[in-house]
Structures are given as structure tokens and as C-alpha cells.
Amino acid sequence: MTETQYRVKLIAKLRELFPGCVIIKNDPTFMQGIPDLLILFNDKWAMLEIKASPDASIRPNQWYYVEAFQEMSFASFINPENEGEVLHALQQTFGTIGEACLP
């Protein structure tokens, strides 16, 4: 599965888990290294850097921004193998544990 294909599936899961959330795909040409998605939900936010696999290459600045945004709110690399863990942590951050079930 390509990163684009995975992103489409992931966005559908995010919308199911967090009804009413706003998901913004960031422009990688505007600021190199900024995570792919910004998720706004109620009074909280998160950023996700999407990778098609755990061994996909990480571009310059991606680690920096994921770590910086994690200190501010929530940020993580996400791929099909760690998806359950990351989405569970995101549910904890957004305070929605028990409201929607992970597949």
C-alpha cells in the first residue's frame, strides 16, 4: 500500500473515531518536515506524520517537528503496524476512550 492509499484509509478511521473533527492535510512544500495531518477535535489538536511502513525513510526535520508538537499537544509517526497504538494514544489525548471503538 502506498502512503497516499494509507492516508485515505487513515482519514476515514479518524473521522469515525472523532466525529466532527477537522482534518487538514499540510502542504509539504510550505514548511519542510511538518507532519502530514493536523487533526482538530473539540478544544484539542494533534499532528500525524504518515508512513506507508515502519521502515519508510524519514526526511530532514520530521523527527524535530514530531517531537516539538508532541511536547505541545500530541504528535506521532503512524504506519499500518503501529496504527492501533497511536490511535489509542490519540483517543486518550482527545478524551474519547469508550466513546468509539478501534477496529
C-alpha atoms as a PDB file:
ATOM      1  CA  MET A   1       0.000   0.000   0.000  1.00  0.00           C
ATOM      2  CA  THR A   2       1.314   3.452  -0.851  1.00  0.00           C
ATOM      3  CA  GLU A   3       1.399   6.320   1.618  1.00  0.00           C
ATOM      4  CA  THR A   4      -1.443   8.009  -0.283  1.00  0.00           C
ATOM      5  CA  GLN A   5      -3.624   4.892  -0.112  1.00  0.00           C
ATOM      6  CA  TYR A   6      -2.895   4.531   3.592  1.00  0.00           C
ATOM      7  CA  ARG A   7      -3.663   8.219   4.206  1.00  0.00           C
ATOM      8  CA  VAL A   8      -7.133   7.849   2.642  1.00  0.00           C
ATOM      9  CA  LYS A   9      -7.928   4.860   4.890  1.00  0.00           C
ATOM     10  CA  LEU A  10      -6.495   6.565   7.955  1.00  0.00           C
ATOM     11  CA  ILE A  11      -8.532   9.741   7.432  1.00  0.00           C
ATOM     12  CA  ALA A  12     -11.706   7.638   7.211  1.00  0.00           C
ATOM     13  CA  LYS A  13     -10.821   5.958  10.539  1.00  0.00           C
ATOM     14  CA  LEU A  14     -10.051   9.295  12.175  1.00  0.00           C
ATOM     15  CA  ARG A  15     -13.426  10.702  11.092  1.00  0.00           C
ATOM     16  CA  GLU A  16     -15.161   7.616  12.504  1.00  0.00           C
ATOM     17  CA  LEU A  17     -13.287   7.771  15.814  1.00  0.00           C
ATOM     18  CA  PHE A  18     -13.616  11.538  16.238  1.00  0.00           C
ATOM     19  CA  PRO A  19     -16.960  12.659  14.772  1.00  0.00           C
ATOM     20  CA  GLY A  20     -16.930  16.314  13.844  1.00  0.00           C
ATOM     21  CA  CYS A  21     -13.148  16.559  13.779  1.00  0.00           C
ATOM     22  CA  VAL A  22     -11.461  18.780  11.222  1.00  0.00           C
ATOM     23  CA  ILE A  23      -8.564  17.181   9.343  1.00  0.00           C
ATOM     24  CA  ILE A  24      -6.154  19.348   7.407  1.00  0.00           C
ATOM     25  CA  LYS A  25      -3.526  17.951   5.052  1.00  0.00           C
ATOM     26  CA  ASN A  26      -0.448  20.113   5.406  1.00  0.00           C
ATOM     27  CA  ASP A  27       1.492  21.337   2.383  1.00  0.00           C
ATOM     28  CA  PRO A  28       4.998  19.795   2.492  1.00  0.00           C
ATOM     29  CA  THR A  29       6.341  22.462   0.163  1.00  0.00           C
ATOM     30  CA  PHE A  30       5.370  25.275   2.530  1.00  0.00           C
ATOM     31  CA  MET A  31       7.345  24.022   5.523  1.00  0.00           C
ATOM     32  CA  GLN A  32       9.641  21.027   5.039  1.00  0.00           C
ATOM     33  CA  GLY A  33       9.221  18.387   7.733  1.00  0.00           C
ATOM     34  CA  ILE A  34       5.823  19.464   9.088  1.00  0.00           C
ATOM     35  CA  PRO A  35       3.678  16.370   9.797  1.00  0.00           C
ATOM     36  CA  ASP A  36       1.183  15.360   7.131  1.00  0.00           C
ATOM     37  CA  LEU A  37      -2.078  15.825   9.032  1.00  0.00           C
ATOM     38  CA  LEU A  38      -3.441  18.287  11.571  1.00  0.00           C
ATOM     39  CA  ILE A  39      -6.475  16.959  13.461  1.00  0.00           C
ATOM     40  CA  LEU A  40      -8.634  19.465  15.338  1.00  0.00           C
ATOM     41  CA  PHE A  41     -11.138  17.970  17.771  1.00  0.00           C
ATOM     42  CA  ASN A  42     -13.135  19.982  20.286  1.00  0.00           C
ATOM     43  CA  ASP A  43     -10.521  22.008  22.167  1.00  0.00           C
ATOM     44  CA  LYS A  44      -7.567  19.738  21.310  1.00  0.00           C
ATOM     45  CA  TRP A  45      -5.289  19.118  18.352  1.00  0.00           C
ATOM     46  CA  ALA A  46      -2.818  16.536  17.083  1.00  0.00           C
ATOM     47  CA  MET A  47      -0.406  16.091  14.202  1.00  0.00           C
ATOM     48  CA  LEU A  48       0.394  12.824  12.440  1.00  0.00           C
ATOM     49  CA  GLU A  49       3.276  12.020  10.116  1.00  0.00           C
ATOM     50  CA  ILE A  50       2.094   9.189   7.866  1.00  0.00           C
ATOM     51  CA  LYS A  51       4.430   6.453   6.687  1.00  0.00           C
ATOM     52  CA  ALA A  52       3.467   3.501   4.493  1.00  0.00           C
ATOM     53  CA  SER A  53       5.632   1.174   6.592  1.00  0.00           C
ATOM     54  CA  PRO A  54       7.776   1.253   9.741  1.00  0.00           C
ATOM     55  CA  ASP A  55      10.960   1.261   7.669  1.00  0.00           C
ATOM     56  CA  ALA A  56       9.934   4.141   5.366  1.00  0.00           C
ATOM     57  CA  SER A  57      12.507   6.896   5.187  1.00  0.00           C
ATOM     58  CA  ILE A  58      12.223   9.904   7.462  1.00  0.00           C
ATOM     59  CA  ARG A  59      13.016  13.215   5.836  1.00  0.00           C
ATOM     60  CA  PRO A  60      15.024  16.009   7.450  1.00  0.00           C
ATOM     61  CA  ASN A  61      13.175  17.871  10.195  1.00  0.00           C
ATOM     62  CA  GLN A  62      10.375  15.299  10.572  1.00  0.00           C
ATOM     63  CA  TRP A  63      11.721  13.996  13.890  1.00  0.00           C
ATOM     64  CA  TYR A  64      12.231  17.555  15.092  1.00  0.00           C
ATOM     65  CA  TYR A  65       8.635  18.623  14.381  1.00  0.00           C
ATOM     66  CA  VAL A  66       7.031  15.431  15.697  1.00  0.00           C
ATOM     67  CA  GLU A  67       8.956  15.797  18.973  1.00  0.00           C
ATOM     68  CA  ALA A  68       8.233  19.541  19.225  1.00  0.00           C
ATOM     69  CA  PHE A  69       4.499  19.124  18.599  1.00  0.00           C
ATOM     70  CA  GLN A  70       4.346  16.148  20.975  1.00  0.00           C
ATOM     71  CA  GLU A  71       5.545  18.467  23.741  1.00  0.00           C
ATOM     72  CA  MET A  72       2.791  20.976  22.850  1.00  0.00           C
ATOM     73  CA  SER A  73      -0.128  18.563  22.464  1.00  0.00           C
ATOM     74  CA  PHE A  74       0.103  15.277  20.508  1.00  0.00           C
ATOM     75  CA  ALA A  75       2.196  14.218  17.530  1.00  0.00           C
ATOM     76  CA  SER A  76       3.382  10.893  16.227  1.00  0.00           C
ATOM     77  CA  PHE A  77       4.597   8.942  13.260  1.00  0.00           C
ATOM     78  CA  ILE A  78       1.886   6.498  12.181  1.00  0.00           C
ATOM     79  CA  ASN A  79       2.004   3.481   9.882  1.00  0.00           C
ATOM     80  CA  PRO A  80      -0.172   0.372   9.451  1.00  0.00           C
ATOM     81  CA  GLU A  81       1.860  -1.580  12.036  1.00  0.00           C
ATOM     82  CA  ASN A  82       1.644   0.960  14.885  1.00  0.00           C
ATOM     83  CA  GLU A  83      -1.753   2.401  13.978  1.00  0.00           C
ATOM     84  CA  GLY A  84      -3.685   0.782  16.836  1.00  0.00           C
ATOM     85  CA  GLU A  85      -1.219   2.026  19.428  1.00  0.00           C
ATOM     86  CA  VAL A  86      -1.133   5.564  18.006  1.00  0.00           C
ATOM     87  CA  LEU A  87      -4.917   5.832  17.662  1.00  0.00           C
ATOM     88  CA  HIS A  88      -5.370   4.568  21.223  1.00  0.00           C
ATOM     89  CA  ALA A  89      -2.952   7.240  22.474  1.00  0.00           C
ATOM     90  CA  LEU A  90      -4.808   9.830  20.401  1.00  0.00           C
ATOM     91  CA  GLN A  91      -8.119   8.744  21.960  1.00  0.00           C
ATOM     92  CA  GLN A  92      -6.553   9.215  25.389  1.00  0.00           C
ATOM     93  CA  THR A  93      -5.321  12.686  24.424  1.00  0.00           C
ATOM     94  CA  PHE A  94      -8.701  13.687  22.999  1.00  0.00           C
ATOM     95  CA  GLY A  95     -10.518  12.147  25.987  1.00  0.00           C
ATOM     96  CA  THR A  96     -12.689   9.824  23.886  1.00  0.00           C
ATOM     97  CA  ILE A  97     -11.787   6.406  25.296  1.00  0.00           C
ATOM     98  CA  GLY A  98     -15.018   4.430  25.454  1.00  0.00           C
ATOM     99  CA  GLU A  99     -16.919   6.693  23.022  1.00  0.00           C
ATOM    100  CA  ALA A 100     -15.773   4.904  19.876  1.00  0.00           C
ATOM    101  CA  CYS A 101     -14.118   1.543  19.439  1.00  0.00           C
ATOM    102  CA  LEU A 102     -10.999   0.912  17.461  1.00  0.00           C
ATOM    103  CA  PRO A 103     -11.499  -1.668  14.732  1.00  0.00           C
END
